[in-house]
């Protein structure tokens, strides 16, 4: 991670909403009024429990899904309603996605060289000879032997397949990579290699990343800023080191506490509510140890609480991981403290 957080936005999402129709005429709101930006050369980490809406945000940003409402800007242009050739020209060439499972995101019937050449063929870049040269050069760049171009994905290891997925995302020289749990299916040692590769590529190519993960340690290592998501809404956004040192939202404080000693871990009460039947007011209040009457009636906006720091909480900063006053803040619903694994490290997806 670089020492400075870049500020020039390559992508900006404003009041993003994504609804899904369900049987019986009900609506599931997977993303509810989400706003954020990704700076040029920046890594924004997006974290939250399974079902929080992380992957839906990613797929809507990259326009694999159309938003129900809100605005998506990319490299200064509104891409919210683009279709067809305009979408391919403005988005598909300059924004790419690295998926969680390399075994399912690569066509098992295509050789690796064909997988990597396909974006060039689709966008009519070069002739067969120059495409082969570009494929070989990209394979070397991501640490793969160009001789592997003749192999099928199933003949490679998991880490090698993920490098192929990264190489494919880079073939058209994008400015933004959306990485959805790109290391979740890999062994720890291989995860480190892939993360180091992503950092090296960012420095070399000036890439921006929206990095979605359940691994808080990975977020802390890789991200310039972190956005914490709960039940379709962003509850905290800020510089990574500050969020980990002094989380402002109770949910963020609970997640951070999972990385501390067992006696300082704070577990939210109960299960995550259904996005079809959300709690009134603050969506986290049914599990929050410092919830008060106001939390049940008023929806807290994602407001700036310090320069570059935003939280959606009526009482930001009151719940501290390991704080002596945690129990005193919530006599009616004290937090559960137990040496259990983080809900983020025991669940995948989003």
Protein backbone atom coordinates (compact mmCIF):
# COMPACT_ATOMS: atom_id res chain seq x y z
CA UNK A 1 0.00 0.00 0.00
CA UNK A 2 1.32 3.45 -0.88
CA UNK A 3 1.94 6.09 1.76
CA UNK A 4 -0.58 8.56 0.35
CA UNK A 5 -4.24 8.04 -0.47
CA UNK A 6 -4.95 9.25 -4.01
CA UNK A 7 -8.01 11.48 -4.25
CA UNK A 8 -8.86 11.91 -7.97
CA UNK A 9 -11.93 9.71 -8.51
CA UNK A 10 -11.93 7.15 -11.31
CA UNK A 11 -15.42 5.98 -10.30
CA UNK A 12 -18.22 7.55 -8.30
CA UNK A 13 -21.45 5.93 -7.11
CA UNK A 14 -24.25 8.16 -5.83
CA UNK A 15 -27.42 7.00 -4.02
CA UNK A 16 -27.23 3.56 -5.64
CA UNK A 17 -30.31 1.37 -5.19
CA UNK A 18 -30.79 -2.17 -6.48
CA UNK A 19 -34.08 -4.01 -5.96
CA UNK A 20 -34.98 -7.58 -6.86
CA UNK A 21 -38.57 -8.72 -7.35
CA UNK A 22 -39.56 -11.78 -5.35
CA UNK A 23 -42.50 -14.15 -5.50
CA UNK A 24 -45.65 -12.80 -3.95
CA UNK A 25 -44.95 -9.28 -5.17
CA UNK A 26 -42.39 -8.54 -2.45
CA UNK A 27 -39.19 -6.61 -3.11
CA UNK A 28 -35.73 -7.37 -1.81
CA UNK A 29 -33.63 -4.22 -1.59
CA UNK A 30 -30.08 -5.55 -1.86
CA UNK A 31 -28.45 -2.10 -2.10
CA UNK A 32 -30.03 0.90 -0.42
CA UNK A 33 -28.74 4.40 -1.17
CA UNK A 34 -25.03 3.58 -1.35
CA UNK A 35 -22.58 6.38 -2.24
CA UNK A 36 -18.78 6.18 -2.54
CA UNK A 37 -15.92 6.96 -4.88
CA UNK A 38 -12.70 5.22 -5.85
CA UNK A 39 -9.66 7.42 -6.41
CA UNK A 40 -7.14 6.93 -9.17
CA UNK A 41 -4.51 4.48 -8.02
CA UNK A 42 -6.51 3.76 -4.86
CA UNK A 43 -7.72 0.53 -3.31
CA UNK A 44 -11.10 0.84 -1.62
CA UNK A 45 -11.89 -2.21 0.51
CA UNK A 46 -15.56 -3.15 0.79
CA UNK A 47 -16.38 -5.41 3.77
CA UNK A 48 -19.46 -6.82 5.44
CA UNK A 49 -21.20 -10.06 6.35
CA UNK A 50 -22.65 -12.42 3.76
CA UNK A 51 -25.86 -10.91 2.44
CA UNK A 52 -24.78 -7.33 3.08
CA UNK A 53 -24.92 -6.45 -0.64
CA UNK A 54 -21.21 -6.23 -1.46
CA UNK A 55 -21.31 -8.33 -4.62
CA UNK A 56 -24.46 -6.59 -5.84
CA UNK A 57 -22.69 -3.24 -5.50
CA UNK A 58 -19.77 -4.62 -7.52
CA UNK A 59 -21.93 -6.07 -10.28
CA UNK A 60 -23.95 -2.87 -10.52
CA UNK A 61 -20.86 -0.67 -10.62
CA UNK A 62 -19.42 -2.67 -13.50
CA UNK A 63 -22.86 -2.71 -15.14
CA UNK A 64 -23.38 -6.45 -15.12
CA UNK A 65 -26.67 -5.41 -13.50
CA UNK A 66 -28.67 -2.24 -14.06
CA UNK A 67 -29.32 -0.10 -10.99
CA UNK A 68 -32.89 0.47 -9.89
CA UNK A 69 -32.01 4.09 -9.19
CA UNK A 70 -28.99 6.25 -8.44
CA UNK A 71 -26.03 7.26 -10.54
CA UNK A 72 -22.82 5.53 -11.58
CA UNK A 73 -19.99 7.64 -13.05
CA UNK A 74 -16.79 6.28 -14.52
CA UNK A 75 -13.85 8.35 -15.70
CA UNK A 76 -16.03 11.45 -15.60
CA UNK A 77 -18.97 10.05 -17.60
CA UNK A 78 -22.41 8.93 -16.44
CA UNK A 79 -22.63 5.23 -17.33
CA UNK A 80 -25.83 4.50 -15.41
CA UNK A 81 -28.04 3.87 -18.45
CA UNK A 82 -25.49 2.90 -21.10
CA UNK A 83 -26.25 -0.08 -23.31
CA UNK A 84 -24.87 -1.92 -26.31
CA UNK A 85 -21.90 -0.45 -28.14
CA UNK A 86 -21.65 2.55 -25.82
CA UNK A 87 -21.44 0.26 -22.80
CA UNK A 88 -18.75 -1.87 -24.45
CA UNK A 89 -16.75 1.18 -25.48
CA UNK A 90 -16.95 3.17 -22.24
CA UNK A 91 -17.07 0.41 -19.61
CA UNK A 92 -15.99 -3.00 -20.88
CA UNK A 93 -12.68 -1.69 -22.22
CA UNK A 94 -11.76 0.32 -19.15
CA UNK A 95 -13.26 -1.61 -16.23
CA UNK A 96 -12.81 -5.31 -15.49
CA UNK A 97 -13.68 -7.85 -12.83
CA UNK A 98 -11.68 -10.56 -11.06
CA UNK A 99 -14.01 -13.21 -9.67
CA UNK A 100 -13.78 -15.30 -6.51
CA UNK A 101 -13.64 -18.73 -8.12
CA UNK A 102 -11.09 -19.14 -10.86
CA UNK A 103 -12.34 -22.66 -11.51
CA UNK A 104 -15.82 -21.45 -12.52
CA UNK A 105 -14.98 -18.06 -14.07
CA UNK A 106 -12.68 -19.55 -16.74
CA UNK A 107 -14.07 -21.52 -19.68
CA UNK A 108 -12.81 -25.10 -19.17
CA UNK A 109 -13.03 -25.76 -22.92
CA UNK A 110 -10.74 -22.89 -23.88
CA UNK A 111 -6.98 -23.02 -23.66
CA UNK A 112 -5.42 -20.33 -21.50
CA UNK A 113 -4.07 -18.46 -24.52
CA UNK A 114 -7.56 -18.28 -26.02
CA UNK A 115 -9.05 -17.15 -22.71
CA UNK A 116 -6.61 -14.22 -22.60
CA UNK A 117 -6.94 -13.35 -26.29
CA UNK A 118 -10.73 -13.28 -26.19
CA UNK A 119 -11.07 -9.68 -24.88
CA UNK A 120 -8.77 -8.54 -27.70
CA UNK A 121 -10.81 -10.43 -30.30
CA UNK A 122 -14.13 -9.10 -28.99
CA UNK A 123 -12.87 -5.52 -29.14
CA UNK A 124 -11.05 -6.08 -32.44
CA UNK A 125 -7.62 -5.29 -31.08
CA UNK A 126 -4.74 -6.33 -33.35
CA UNK A 127 -4.33 -9.39 -35.54
CA UNK A 128 -3.73 -13.00 -34.42
CA UNK A 129 0.04 -12.54 -34.27
CA UNK A 130 -0.05 -9.38 -32.16
CA UNK A 131 -2.65 -10.94 -29.89
CA UNK A 132 -0.38 -13.92 -29.25
CA UNK A 133 2.44 -11.51 -28.42
CA UNK A 134 0.19 -9.55 -26.07
CA UNK A 135 -0.93 -12.77 -24.36
CA UNK A 136 2.65 -13.95 -23.82
CA UNK A 137 3.69 -10.55 -22.47
CA UNK A 138 0.75 -10.43 -20.04
CA UNK A 139 1.39 -13.96 -18.81
CA UNK A 140 4.97 -13.02 -17.97
CA UNK A 141 3.73 -9.87 -16.26
CA UNK A 142 1.50 -11.84 -13.89
CA UNK A 143 4.15 -14.50 -13.22
CA UNK A 144 3.00 -17.27 -15.56
CA UNK A 145 5.11 -19.23 -17.99
CA UNK A 146 3.92 -18.30 -21.53
CA UNK A 147 4.16 -22.01 -22.34
CA UNK A 148 1.01 -22.43 -20.23
CA UNK A 149 -0.96 -20.72 -23.02
CA UNK A 150 -1.52 -24.15 -24.57
CA UNK A 151 -2.96 -25.65 -21.39
CA UNK A 152 -6.54 -25.82 -20.19
CA UNK A 153 -7.50 -24.11 -16.90
CA UNK A 154 -8.03 -27.42 -15.09
CA UNK A 155 -4.38 -28.30 -15.77
CA UNK A 156 -3.25 -25.36 -13.62
CA UNK A 157 -3.19 -24.89 -9.85
CA UNK A 158 -5.69 -22.62 -8.10
CA UNK A 159 -3.14 -19.84 -7.76
CA UNK A 160 -2.14 -20.12 -11.42
CA UNK A 161 -5.79 -20.00 -12.51
CA UNK A 162 -6.33 -16.86 -10.45
CA UNK A 163 -3.32 -15.29 -12.16
CA UNK A 164 -5.00 -16.13 -15.47
CA UNK A 165 -8.14 -14.37 -14.21
CA UNK A 166 -6.09 -11.31 -13.28
CA UNK A 167 -4.30 -11.37 -16.64
CA UNK A 168 -7.61 -11.57 -18.50
CA UNK A 169 -8.88 -8.53 -16.58
CA UNK A 170 -5.78 -6.56 -17.62
CA UNK A 171 -5.73 -7.41 -21.34
CA UNK A 172 -7.50 -4.20 -22.41
CA UNK A 173 -5.49 -1.92 -20.08
CA UNK A 174 -8.34 -0.97 -17.69
CA UNK A 175 -8.18 1.80 -15.13
CA UNK A 176 -10.43 0.08 -12.55
CA UNK A 177 -10.46 -3.54 -11.39
CA UNK A 178 -13.39 -4.82 -9.34
CA UNK A 179 -12.03 -7.77 -7.34
CA UNK A 180 -14.76 -9.85 -5.66
CA UNK A 181 -13.17 -12.11 -3.02
CA UNK A 182 -10.24 -12.88 -5.36
CA UNK A 183 -8.25 -14.80 -2.73
CA UNK A 184 -11.06 -16.52 -0.81
CA UNK A 185 -10.61 -19.94 -2.44
CA UNK A 186 -6.79 -19.98 -2.18
CA UNK A 187 -4.41 -21.33 0.43
CA UNK A 188 -2.90 -18.72 2.75
CA UNK A 189 0.56 -18.85 1.13
CA UNK A 190 -0.96 -18.47 -2.33
CA UNK A 191 -3.18 -15.63 -1.10
CA UNK A 192 -0.06 -13.68 -0.13
CA UNK A 193 1.44 -14.19 -3.59
CA UNK A 194 -1.72 -12.97 -5.32
CA UNK A 195 -2.00 -9.93 -3.02
CA UNK A 196 1.63 -9.02 -3.68
CA UNK A 197 0.98 -9.36 -7.41
CA UNK A 198 -2.03 -7.03 -7.21
CA UNK A 199 0.02 -4.44 -5.33
CA UNK A 200 2.87 -4.66 -7.84
CA UNK A 201 0.46 -4.26 -10.76
CA UNK A 202 -1.16 -1.27 -9.08
CA UNK A 203 2.19 0.48 -8.71
CA UNK A 204 3.28 -0.36 -12.26
CA UNK A 205 0.01 0.43 -14.05
CA UNK A 206 -1.67 3.00 -11.80
CA UNK A 207 -4.66 0.72 -11.30
CA UNK A 208 -7.60 1.42 -9.02
CA UNK A 209 -9.24 -1.44 -7.12
CA UNK A 210 -12.62 -1.97 -5.52
CA UNK A 211 -11.56 -4.90 -3.35
CA UNK A 212 -14.37 -6.96 -1.82
CA UNK A 213 -13.41 -9.40 0.90
CA UNK A 214 -14.47 -10.98 4.18
CA UNK A 215 -10.85 -10.97 5.40
CA UNK A 216 -10.23 -7.93 7.61
CA UNK A 217 -6.50 -8.63 7.78
CA UNK A 218 -6.34 -8.48 4.00
CA UNK A 219 -8.28 -5.22 3.94
CA UNK A 220 -5.94 -3.69 6.49
CA UNK A 221 -2.89 -4.70 4.47
CA UNK A 222 -4.12 -3.84 0.98
CA UNK A 223 -6.64 -0.99 1.16
CA UNK A 224 -6.11 2.76 1.36
CA UNK A 225 -9.68 3.24 2.57
CA UNK A 226 -12.35 0.88 3.80
CA UNK A 227 -16.13 0.96 3.38
CA UNK A 228 -18.17 -1.12 5.84
CA UNK A 229 -21.52 -2.42 4.58
CA UNK A 230 -24.46 -3.79 6.53
CA UNK A 231 -27.83 -4.92 5.15
CA UNK A 232 -27.48 -3.00 1.91
CA UNK A 233 -26.20 0.26 3.39
CA UNK A 234 -22.78 1.75 4.03
CA UNK A 235 -22.35 2.35 7.75
CA UNK A 236 -18.76 3.64 7.82
CA UNK A 237 -16.18 4.87 5.30
CA UNK A 238 -12.72 6.12 6.10
CA UNK A 239 -8.97 5.75 5.89
CA UNK A 240 -8.16 2.15 6.73
CA UNK A 241 -5.75 2.73 9.61
CA UNK A 242 -8.14 5.15 11.34
CA UNK A 243 -11.16 2.86 11.00
CA UNK A 244 -9.21 -0.03 12.51
CA UNK A 245 -7.78 2.15 15.29
CA UNK A 246 -10.98 4.04 16.18
CA UNK A 247 -14.09 2.55 14.52
CA UNK A 248 -17.00 4.96 14.73
CA UNK A 249 -19.97 2.74 13.91
CA UNK A 250 -20.89 -0.03 16.39
CA UNK A 251 -20.91 -2.63 13.60
CA UNK A 252 -17.43 -1.58 12.47
CA UNK A 253 -16.29 -1.70 16.10
CA UNK A 254 -17.56 -5.25 16.40
CA UNK A 255 -15.78 -6.35 13.23
CA UNK A 256 -12.53 -4.75 14.36
CA UNK A 257 -12.87 -6.37 17.79
CA UNK A 258 -12.70 -9.81 16.17
CA UNK A 259 -9.00 -9.21 15.49
CA UNK A 260 -8.25 -8.54 19.16
CA UNK A 261 -7.83 -10.72 22.22
CA UNK A 262 -10.74 -13.01 23.02
CA UNK A 263 -11.81 -11.02 26.08
CA UNK A 264 -12.21 -7.89 23.95
CA UNK A 265 -14.26 -9.43 21.16
CA UNK A 266 -17.79 -8.08 20.83
CA UNK A 267 -20.42 -10.17 19.07
CA UNK A 268 -23.66 -8.63 17.80
CA UNK A 269 -26.82 -10.12 19.28
CA UNK A 270 -29.03 -12.32 17.12
CA UNK A 271 -28.95 -12.93 13.38
CA UNK A 272 -28.76 -10.45 10.54
CA UNK A 273 -32.35 -9.40 9.66
CA UNK A 274 -33.92 -10.18 6.32
CA UNK A 275 -33.40 -7.47 3.68
CA UNK A 276 -37.05 -8.00 2.76
CA UNK A 277 -38.18 -7.05 6.28
CA UNK A 278 -35.69 -4.51 7.59
CA UNK A 279 -35.75 -2.97 11.04
CA UNK A 280 -37.15 0.54 11.18
CA UNK A 281 -34.73 3.41 11.68
CA UNK A 282 -31.12 2.24 11.84
CA UNK A 283 -30.79 -1.15 10.15
CA UNK A 284 -28.26 -2.29 12.77
CA UNK A 285 -30.25 -1.29 15.84
CA UNK A 286 -31.77 -4.76 16.39
CA UNK A 287 -28.26 -6.13 17.05
CA UNK A 288 -26.57 -3.03 18.45
CA UNK A 289 -25.58 -2.90 22.15
CA UNK A 290 -25.86 0.89 22.33
CA UNK A 291 -29.20 1.28 20.48
CA UNK A 292 -31.64 3.82 21.94
CA UNK A 293 -35.16 4.97 21.19
CA UNK A 294 -34.05 7.35 18.46
CA UNK A 295 -32.41 4.48 16.58
CA UNK A 296 -35.79 2.81 16.07
CA UNK A 297 -37.41 5.85 14.45
CA UNK A 298 -34.71 7.89 12.67
CA UNK A 299 -32.55 6.59 9.82
CA UNK A 300 -29.01 7.88 10.43
CA UNK A 301 -27.45 9.35 7.26
CA UNK A 302 -23.89 8.54 6.24
CA UNK A 303 -22.52 11.84 7.54
CA UNK A 304 -19.03 13.27 7.81
CA UNK A 305 -17.81 12.99 11.40
CA UNK A 306 -14.23 14.09 10.65
CA UNK A 307 -12.33 15.08 7.49
CA UNK A 308 -12.53 12.13 5.12
CA UNK A 309 -14.45 10.06 7.67
CA UNK A 310 -18.15 9.16 7.44
CA UNK A 311 -20.45 7.08 9.65
CA UNK A 312 -24.17 6.31 9.66
CA UNK A 313 -24.78 6.36 13.40
CA UNK A 314 -26.60 8.66 15.83
CA UNK A 315 -23.90 8.00 18.46
CA UNK A 316 -20.64 7.49 16.54
CA UNK A 317 -17.60 6.37 18.48
CA UNK A 318 -19.44 5.34 21.67
CA UNK A 319 -18.75 1.62 21.28
CA UNK A 320 -15.02 0.90 21.45
CA UNK A 321 -13.44 -2.54 21.05
CA UNK A 322 -11.96 -3.43 24.42
CA UNK A 323 -13.36 -0.29 26.04
CA UNK A 324 -14.05 -0.41 29.77
CA UNK A 325 -17.39 1.30 29.30
CA UNK A 326 -18.88 -1.07 26.73
CA UNK A 327 -21.29 -2.74 29.14
CA UNK A 328 -22.21 0.54 30.83
CA UNK A 329 -23.38 1.98 27.50
CA UNK A 330 -26.00 -0.68 26.96
CA UNK A 331 -27.47 -2.06 30.19
CA UNK A 332 -30.59 -3.29 28.39
CA UNK A 333 -28.74 -5.26 25.74
CA UNK A 334 -25.13 -5.92 26.73
CA UNK A 335 -22.79 -7.22 24.02
CA UNK A 336 -21.89 -10.85 23.94
CA UNK A 337 -18.19 -11.41 24.51
CA UNK A 338 -16.74 -14.77 23.53
CA UNK A 339 -13.61 -16.23 21.89
CA UNK A 340 -15.44 -17.09 18.67
CA UNK A 341 -14.24 -16.60 15.08
CA UNK A 342 -15.22 -13.47 13.21
CA UNK A 343 -18.45 -13.76 11.22
CA UNK A 344 -16.47 -12.36 8.32
CA UNK A 345 -13.79 -15.02 8.41
CA UNK A 346 -16.30 -17.84 8.69
CA UNK A 347 -18.54 -16.77 5.84
CA UNK A 348 -17.89 -15.99 2.20
CA UNK A 349 -19.71 -14.07 -0.44
CA UNK A 350 -21.85 -11.03 -0.21
